[in-house]
Amino acid sequence: MLAGAALPLVATAPAHADPKHCASYLHAHGYVIGPKVAGACAMVAMEHTPGGKAGAMTDCNLYLFTLGVKGDEASTACQLSL
């Protein structure tokens, strides 16, 4: 007899991030969310860069930075799109 056989399996699903979380984070930090910011946030989800997800993260960060988003806030916002 297996001791743990009667215990139910409980697993938590991983949190799913998406570009909306990125945009919401930036909006909460006072940034205007327009098509350029939304596009930067969507870059990570699409991963259509030569470097895959890592390249998309870099592109997202750089694009948000060029739009005037502070570096640490850009990084956090892009992470939320993963």
N, C-alpha and C. Protein backbone atom coordinates (compact mmCIF):
# COMPACT_ATOMS: atom_id res chain seq x y z
N MET A 1 0.84 -1.17 0.00
CA MET A 1 0.00 0.00 0.00
C MET A 1 0.89 1.24 0.00
N LEU A 2 0.53 2.20 -0.81
CA LEU A 2 1.27 3.44 -0.88
C LEU A 2 0.70 4.42 0.13
N ALA A 3 1.57 4.96 0.96
CA ALA A 3 1.11 5.87 2.01
C ALA A 3 0.46 7.13 1.46
N GLY A 4 0.97 7.62 0.38
CA GLY A 4 0.44 8.86 -0.16
C GLY A 4 -0.66 8.67 -1.18
N ALA A 5 -1.07 7.46 -1.40
CA ALA A 5 -2.06 7.18 -2.44
C ALA A 5 -3.40 7.84 -2.17
N ALA A 6 -3.75 8.02 -0.92
CA ALA A 6 -5.06 8.60 -0.61
C ALA A 6 -5.03 10.13 -0.61
N LEU A 7 -3.85 10.72 -0.70
CA LEU A 7 -3.76 12.18 -0.69
C LEU A 7 -4.08 12.72 -2.07
N PRO A 8 -4.90 13.74 -2.12
CA PRO A 8 -5.22 14.32 -3.43
C PRO A 8 -4.01 15.08 -3.99
N LEU A 9 -3.88 15.05 -5.28
CA LEU A 9 -2.82 15.82 -5.92
C LEU A 9 -3.30 17.25 -6.10
N VAL A 10 -2.54 18.17 -5.57
CA VAL A 10 -2.88 19.57 -5.71
C VAL A 10 -1.69 20.27 -6.33
N ALA A 11 -1.92 20.85 -7.46
CA ALA A 11 -0.86 21.59 -8.13
C ALA A 11 -1.39 22.97 -8.49
N THR A 12 -0.55 23.94 -8.33
CA THR A 12 -0.96 25.28 -8.72
C THR A 12 -0.45 25.55 -10.12
N ALA A 13 -1.29 26.12 -10.90
CA ALA A 13 -0.91 26.45 -12.26
C ALA A 13 -0.01 27.69 -12.23
N PRO A 14 0.96 27.74 -13.11
CA PRO A 14 1.82 28.91 -13.15
C PRO A 14 1.02 30.14 -13.59
N ALA A 15 1.42 31.27 -13.09
CA ALA A 15 0.75 32.51 -13.49
C ALA A 15 1.05 32.77 -14.95
N HIS A 16 0.05 33.18 -15.68
CA HIS A 16 0.24 33.48 -17.09
C HIS A 16 0.32 34.99 -17.27
N ALA A 17 1.43 35.44 -17.76
CA ALA A 17 1.61 36.85 -18.02
C ALA A 17 1.26 37.12 -19.48
N ASP A 18 0.92 38.35 -19.76
CA ASP A 18 0.66 38.73 -21.14
C ASP A 18 0.91 40.22 -21.30
N PRO A 19 0.86 40.71 -22.51
CA PRO A 19 1.15 42.12 -22.75
C PRO A 19 0.25 43.09 -21.97
N LYS A 20 -0.95 42.65 -21.63
CA LYS A 20 -1.84 43.53 -20.85
C LYS A 20 -1.26 43.83 -19.48
N HIS A 21 -0.55 42.84 -18.89
CA HIS A 21 0.07 43.07 -17.59
C HIS A 21 1.17 44.11 -17.70
N CYS A 22 1.92 44.05 -18.77
CA CYS A 22 2.98 45.01 -19.05
C CYS A 22 2.39 46.42 -19.14
N ALA A 23 1.38 46.57 -19.96
CA ALA A 23 0.75 47.88 -20.16
C ALA A 23 0.10 48.39 -18.88
N SER A 24 -0.54 47.51 -18.13
CA SER A 24 -1.17 47.92 -16.87
C SER A 24 -0.13 48.41 -15.87
N TYR A 25 0.99 47.71 -15.81
CA TYR A 25 2.08 48.10 -14.91
C TYR A 25 2.58 49.50 -15.28
N LEU A 26 2.80 49.73 -16.57
CA LEU A 26 3.29 51.04 -17.01
C LEU A 26 2.25 52.13 -16.76
N HIS A 27 0.99 51.82 -17.01
CA HIS A 27 -0.08 52.80 -16.75
C HIS A 27 -0.12 53.17 -15.26
N ALA A 28 0.04 52.16 -14.41
CA ALA A 28 0.03 52.40 -12.96
C ALA A 28 1.23 53.27 -12.52
N HIS A 29 2.28 53.28 -13.34
CA HIS A 29 3.45 54.09 -13.04
C HIS A 29 3.44 55.42 -13.78
N GLY A 30 2.28 55.78 -14.32
CA GLY A 30 2.10 57.11 -14.89
C GLY A 30 2.39 57.26 -16.37
N TYR A 31 2.63 56.18 -17.07
CA TYR A 31 2.91 56.27 -18.50
C TYR A 31 1.62 56.20 -19.31
N VAL A 32 1.61 56.93 -20.42
CA VAL A 32 0.48 56.88 -21.34
C VAL A 32 0.63 55.63 -22.20
N ILE A 33 -0.42 54.86 -22.30
CA ILE A 33 -0.39 53.62 -23.07
C ILE A 33 -1.01 53.86 -24.44
N GLY A 34 -0.16 53.95 -25.41
CA GLY A 34 -0.60 54.11 -26.80
C GLY A 34 -0.13 52.91 -27.60
N PRO A 35 -0.26 52.99 -28.91
CA PRO A 35 0.10 51.85 -29.75
C PRO A 35 1.59 51.48 -29.68
N LYS A 36 2.47 52.44 -29.48
CA LYS A 36 3.91 52.13 -29.42
C LYS A 36 4.24 51.35 -28.14
N VAL A 37 3.68 51.78 -27.01
CA VAL A 37 3.92 51.06 -25.76
C VAL A 37 3.28 49.68 -25.83
N ALA A 38 2.07 49.61 -26.33
CA ALA A 38 1.40 48.31 -26.46
C ALA A 38 2.19 47.38 -27.37
N GLY A 39 2.76 47.93 -28.44
CA GLY A 39 3.57 47.13 -29.35
C GLY A 39 4.83 46.61 -28.68
N ALA A 40 5.46 47.46 -27.87
CA ALA A 40 6.66 47.03 -27.15
C ALA A 40 6.31 45.90 -26.18
N CYS A 41 5.21 46.04 -25.48
CA CYS A 41 4.78 45.00 -24.55
C CYS A 41 4.46 43.70 -25.28
N ALA A 42 3.93 43.80 -26.47
CA ALA A 42 3.56 42.61 -27.24
C ALA A 42 4.76 41.89 -27.84
N MET A 43 5.90 42.59 -27.96
CA MET A 43 7.09 41.98 -28.56
C MET A 43 7.49 40.68 -27.86
N VAL A 44 7.43 40.69 -26.54
CA VAL A 44 7.87 39.52 -25.78
C VAL A 44 6.94 38.34 -26.01
N ALA A 45 5.67 38.60 -26.07
CA ALA A 45 4.70 37.53 -26.28
C ALA A 45 4.83 36.92 -27.67
N MET A 46 5.18 37.74 -28.65
CA MET A 46 5.27 37.25 -30.02
C MET A 46 6.58 36.53 -30.30
N GLU A 47 7.65 36.90 -29.64
CA GLU A 47 8.97 36.29 -29.81
C GLU A 47 9.44 36.25 -31.26
N HIS A 48 9.02 37.17 -32.09
CA HIS A 48 9.42 37.15 -33.49
C HIS A 48 10.73 37.91 -33.70
N THR A 49 11.74 37.53 -32.96
CA THR A 49 13.05 38.13 -33.12
C THR A 49 14.07 37.00 -33.28
N PRO A 50 15.20 37.30 -33.90
CA PRO A 50 16.20 36.25 -34.09
C PRO A 50 16.65 35.58 -32.79
N GLY A 51 16.65 36.31 -31.70
CA GLY A 51 17.10 35.75 -30.43
C GLY A 51 16.01 35.06 -29.63
N GLY A 52 14.84 34.85 -30.22
CA GLY A 52 13.74 34.23 -29.48
C GLY A 52 13.28 35.10 -28.34
N LYS A 53 12.90 34.47 -27.23
CA LYS A 53 12.37 35.21 -26.09
C LYS A 53 13.40 36.17 -25.49
N ALA A 54 14.66 35.75 -25.43
CA ALA A 54 15.70 36.63 -24.88
C ALA A 54 15.88 37.87 -25.76
N GLY A 55 15.86 37.66 -27.07
CA GLY A 55 15.96 38.79 -27.99
C GLY A 55 14.75 39.70 -27.89
N ALA A 56 13.59 39.09 -27.73
CA ALA A 56 12.36 39.87 -27.60
C ALA A 56 12.37 40.71 -26.32
N MET A 57 12.90 40.14 -25.24
CA MET A 57 13.02 40.89 -23.98
C MET A 57 13.92 42.11 -24.17
N THR A 58 15.04 41.91 -24.85
CA THR A 58 15.97 43.01 -25.10
C THR A 58 15.30 44.07 -25.96
N ASP A 59 14.62 43.65 -27.01
CA ASP A 59 13.92 44.59 -27.89
C ASP A 59 12.86 45.37 -27.13
N CYS A 60 12.09 44.68 -26.31
CA CYS A 60 11.05 45.32 -25.50
C CYS A 60 11.66 46.38 -24.60
N ASN A 61 12.71 46.01 -23.88
CA ASN A 61 13.38 46.95 -22.98
C ASN A 61 13.90 48.17 -23.72
N LEU A 62 14.59 47.94 -24.82
CA LEU A 62 15.17 49.05 -25.58
C LEU A 62 14.09 49.96 -26.16
N TYR A 63 13.03 49.36 -26.68
CA TYR A 63 11.97 50.15 -27.28
C TYR A 63 11.26 51.00 -26.22
N LEU A 64 10.95 50.39 -25.08
CA LEU A 64 10.31 51.17 -24.01
C LEU A 64 11.24 52.27 -23.53
N PHE A 65 12.53 51.98 -23.43
CA PHE A 65 13.50 52.99 -22.99
C PHE A 65 13.53 54.16 -23.97
N THR A 66 13.49 53.87 -25.28
CA THR A 66 13.49 54.96 -26.26
C THR A 66 12.20 55.77 -26.22
N LEU A 67 11.14 55.17 -25.68
CA LEU A 67 9.87 55.89 -25.53
C LEU A 67 9.82 56.71 -24.24
N GLY A 68 10.89 56.63 -23.43
CA GLY A 68 10.96 57.43 -22.22
C GLY A 68 10.66 56.69 -20.93
N VAL A 69 10.54 55.38 -20.99
CA VAL A 69 10.28 54.59 -19.79
C VAL A 69 11.62 54.36 -19.08
N LYS A 70 11.63 54.57 -17.76
CA LYS A 70 12.84 54.34 -16.98
C LYS A 70 13.28 52.88 -17.11
N GLY A 71 14.59 52.65 -17.08
CA GLY A 71 15.15 51.33 -17.31
C GLY A 71 14.58 50.23 -16.43
N ASP A 72 14.50 50.48 -15.11
CA ASP A 72 13.99 49.44 -14.21
C ASP A 72 12.50 49.18 -14.43
N GLU A 73 11.76 50.22 -14.77
CA GLU A 73 10.33 50.05 -15.03
C GLU A 73 10.11 49.34 -16.36
N ALA A 74 10.95 49.63 -17.35
CA ALA A 74 10.86 48.95 -18.64
C ALA A 74 11.15 47.46 -18.46
N SER A 75 12.19 47.16 -17.69
CA SER A 75 12.56 45.77 -17.46
C SER A 75 11.44 44.99 -16.77
N THR A 76 10.87 45.58 -15.74
CA THR A 76 9.78 44.92 -15.02
C THR A 76 8.57 44.74 -15.93
N ALA A 77 8.24 45.77 -16.69
CA ALA A 77 7.09 45.69 -17.58
C ALA A 77 7.28 44.57 -18.62
N CYS A 78 8.47 44.49 -19.18
CA CYS A 78 8.72 43.45 -20.18
C CYS A 78 8.66 42.06 -19.55
N GLN A 79 9.15 41.93 -18.33
CA GLN A 79 9.08 40.63 -17.63
C GLN A 79 7.63 40.20 -17.45
N LEU A 80 6.76 41.16 -17.23
CA LEU A 80 5.34 40.84 -17.04
C LEU A 80 4.68 40.31 -18.31
N SER A 81 5.33 40.51 -19.45
CA SER A 81 4.80 40.00 -20.71
C SER A 81 5.23 38.58 -21.02
N LEU A 82 6.11 38.04 -20.21
CA LEU A 82 6.60 36.68 -20.46
C LEU A 82 5.50 35.66 -20.33
